[in-house]
């Protein structure tokens, strides 16, 4: 294992405390020592891959810490963003919902299992007709 200084968040579930490593540069911002420069999309919603708990994170909760990580494990972690079109005009709804791993679900299943429980999807949004998944690599 290597000791690395990384920007991270912790799952707030004290029985879990999974570490969420942030990419150095992504739509979330630029996180490089000695400064972190989050974008204006914060706060973000996050669903913990390990325990399933939903969390709202503020940019102020990001910490730079020295942690031991296996490089191959860090490279497997990917954060995902979901964009949907509900077919109402040309509007696209963007959901900044981050998870370490994207489930292999249909757009309807993502709405039913992720966005509705998170409180992000309303019935008035209609049925999703289009799904684009963005990933943030490390």
Protein backbone atom coordinates (compact mmCIF):
# COMPACT_ATOMS: atom_id res chain seq x y z
CA UNK A 1 0.00 0.00 0.00
CA UNK A 2 1.09 3.52 -0.74
CA UNK A 3 0.58 6.57 1.45
CA UNK A 4 -0.99 9.34 -0.63
CA UNK A 5 -2.39 12.77 0.15
CA UNK A 6 -5.88 12.83 -1.33
CA UNK A 7 -8.98 14.98 -1.12
CA UNK A 8 -11.80 12.94 0.31
CA UNK A 9 -15.14 12.76 2.03
CA UNK A 10 -16.31 10.18 4.55
CA UNK A 11 -19.64 8.40 4.60
CA UNK A 12 -21.43 9.92 7.63
CA UNK A 13 -22.71 6.49 8.70
CA UNK A 14 -20.42 5.70 11.66
CA UNK A 15 -20.89 1.96 11.09
CA UNK A 16 -19.50 2.40 7.56
CA UNK A 17 -17.19 5.45 7.25
CA UNK A 18 -16.28 4.50 3.68
CA UNK A 19 -13.82 6.91 2.12
CA UNK A 20 -14.89 8.78 -0.99
CA UNK A 21 -11.82 9.90 -2.94
CA UNK A 22 -12.32 12.93 -5.19
CA UNK A 23 -10.76 13.10 -8.63
CA UNK A 24 -8.01 15.74 -8.87
CA UNK A 25 -9.82 17.50 -11.76
CA UNK A 26 -13.44 16.95 -12.75
CA UNK A 27 -16.81 18.69 -12.89
CA UNK A 28 -16.59 18.70 -9.07
CA UNK A 29 -13.66 21.12 -9.22
CA UNK A 30 -9.89 21.13 -9.02
CA UNK A 31 -8.45 19.45 -5.97
CA UNK A 32 -4.71 19.80 -5.87
CA UNK A 33 -2.52 20.73 -2.95
CA UNK A 34 -2.32 23.41 -1.58
CA UNK A 35 -5.76 24.60 -2.77
CA UNK A 36 -9.08 23.05 -3.52
CA UNK A 37 -11.36 24.90 -5.91
CA UNK A 38 -14.82 23.30 -5.93
CA UNK A 39 -17.24 24.24 -8.69
CA UNK A 40 -20.64 25.78 -8.05
CA UNK A 41 -22.47 22.42 -8.29
CA UNK A 42 -21.93 21.77 -4.58
CA UNK A 43 -23.67 20.58 -2.45
CA UNK A 44 -23.81 17.15 -4.06
CA UNK A 45 -25.95 14.12 -3.27
CA UNK A 46 -24.03 10.93 -2.73
CA UNK A 47 -25.17 7.35 -2.25
CA UNK A 48 -22.61 5.24 -0.42
CA UNK A 49 -21.67 2.16 -2.41
CA UNK A 50 -20.95 0.18 0.76
CA UNK A 51 -23.93 0.94 3.06
CA UNK A 52 -26.43 2.60 0.68
CA UNK A 53 -26.91 5.72 2.84
CA UNK A 54 -27.82 8.99 1.10
CA UNK A 55 -25.81 12.08 2.03
CA UNK A 56 -25.68 15.71 1.03
CA UNK A 57 -22.11 16.96 1.06
CA UNK A 58 -21.00 20.58 1.18
CA UNK A 59 -17.68 21.59 -0.38
CA UNK A 60 -16.47 22.61 3.09
CA UNK A 61 -16.53 18.94 4.14
CA UNK A 62 -13.72 18.01 1.72
CA UNK A 63 -10.54 17.07 3.56
CA UNK A 64 -6.97 16.64 2.38
CA UNK A 65 -5.58 13.66 4.25
CA UNK A 66 -2.74 11.21 4.03
CA UNK A 67 -4.28 7.79 3.53
CA UNK A 68 -2.98 4.37 2.65
CA UNK A 69 -4.49 3.15 -0.60
CA UNK A 70 -3.83 0.45 -3.12
CA UNK A 71 -3.36 2.24 -6.42
CA UNK A 72 -5.28 -0.42 -8.34
CA UNK A 73 -8.29 0.03 -6.00
CA UNK A 74 -8.24 3.80 -6.37
CA UNK A 75 -8.24 3.51 -10.15
CA UNK A 76 -11.40 1.35 -10.01
CA UNK A 77 -13.42 4.05 -8.24
CA UNK A 78 -15.45 6.16 -10.63
CA UNK A 79 -18.02 8.79 -9.77
CA UNK A 80 -21.11 8.92 -11.98
CA UNK A 81 -23.45 11.73 -13.03
CA UNK A 82 -26.92 11.11 -14.49
CA UNK A 83 -28.60 13.33 -17.11
CA UNK A 84 -32.19 12.65 -18.13
CA UNK A 85 -34.64 13.99 -20.68
CA UNK A 86 -38.29 13.52 -19.80
CA UNK A 87 -39.52 14.19 -23.34
CA UNK A 88 -41.13 17.49 -22.32
CA UNK A 89 -39.73 19.79 -24.99
CA UNK A 90 -35.98 19.82 -25.45
CA UNK A 91 -35.25 20.13 -21.76
CA UNK A 92 -32.73 17.88 -20.12
CA UNK A 93 -32.57 17.45 -16.38
CA UNK A 94 -29.14 17.00 -14.90
CA UNK A 95 -28.81 15.12 -11.65
CA UNK A 96 -25.51 15.43 -9.87
CA UNK A 97 -25.86 12.12 -8.11
CA UNK A 98 -22.54 10.52 -7.31
CA UNK A 99 -21.81 6.87 -6.65
CA UNK A 100 -18.58 4.92 -6.78
CA UNK A 101 -20.04 2.39 -9.19
CA UNK A 102 -22.84 2.80 -11.68
CA UNK A 103 -25.52 0.12 -11.46
CA UNK A 104 -26.38 -1.61 -14.72
CA UNK A 105 -30.01 -0.51 -14.52
CA UNK A 106 -32.33 1.03 -17.09
CA UNK A 107 -33.23 4.71 -16.86
CA UNK A 108 -36.55 3.76 -15.23
CA UNK A 109 -34.80 1.62 -12.63
CA UNK A 110 -32.33 4.42 -11.82
CA UNK A 111 -35.26 6.79 -11.29
CA UNK A 112 -37.14 4.24 -9.17
CA UNK A 113 -34.20 2.98 -7.10
CA UNK A 114 -31.99 6.08 -6.84
CA UNK A 115 -33.61 9.38 -7.75
CA UNK A 116 -37.02 8.88 -6.10
CA UNK A 117 -35.51 7.66 -2.78
CA UNK A 118 -33.09 10.59 -2.85
CA UNK A 119 -35.97 13.06 -3.25
CA UNK A 120 -34.57 14.36 -6.55
CA UNK A 121 -37.22 13.00 -8.96
CA UNK A 122 -40.80 14.25 -8.92
CA UNK A 123 -43.78 12.63 -10.59
CA UNK A 124 -44.24 15.76 -12.71
CA UNK A 125 -40.90 15.05 -14.40
CA UNK A 126 -42.57 12.23 -16.29
CA UNK A 127 -41.03 9.02 -17.54
CA UNK A 128 -37.37 9.30 -18.55
CA UNK A 129 -36.83 8.86 -22.28
CA UNK A 130 -33.12 9.44 -22.42
CA UNK A 131 -30.27 8.69 -20.05
CA UNK A 132 -26.68 9.81 -20.33
CA UNK A 133 -24.21 8.74 -17.68
CA UNK A 134 -21.05 10.73 -17.16
CA UNK A 135 -18.09 9.38 -15.28
CA UNK A 136 -15.32 11.18 -13.47
CA UNK A 137 -12.07 9.23 -13.67
CA UNK A 138 -9.23 9.55 -11.19
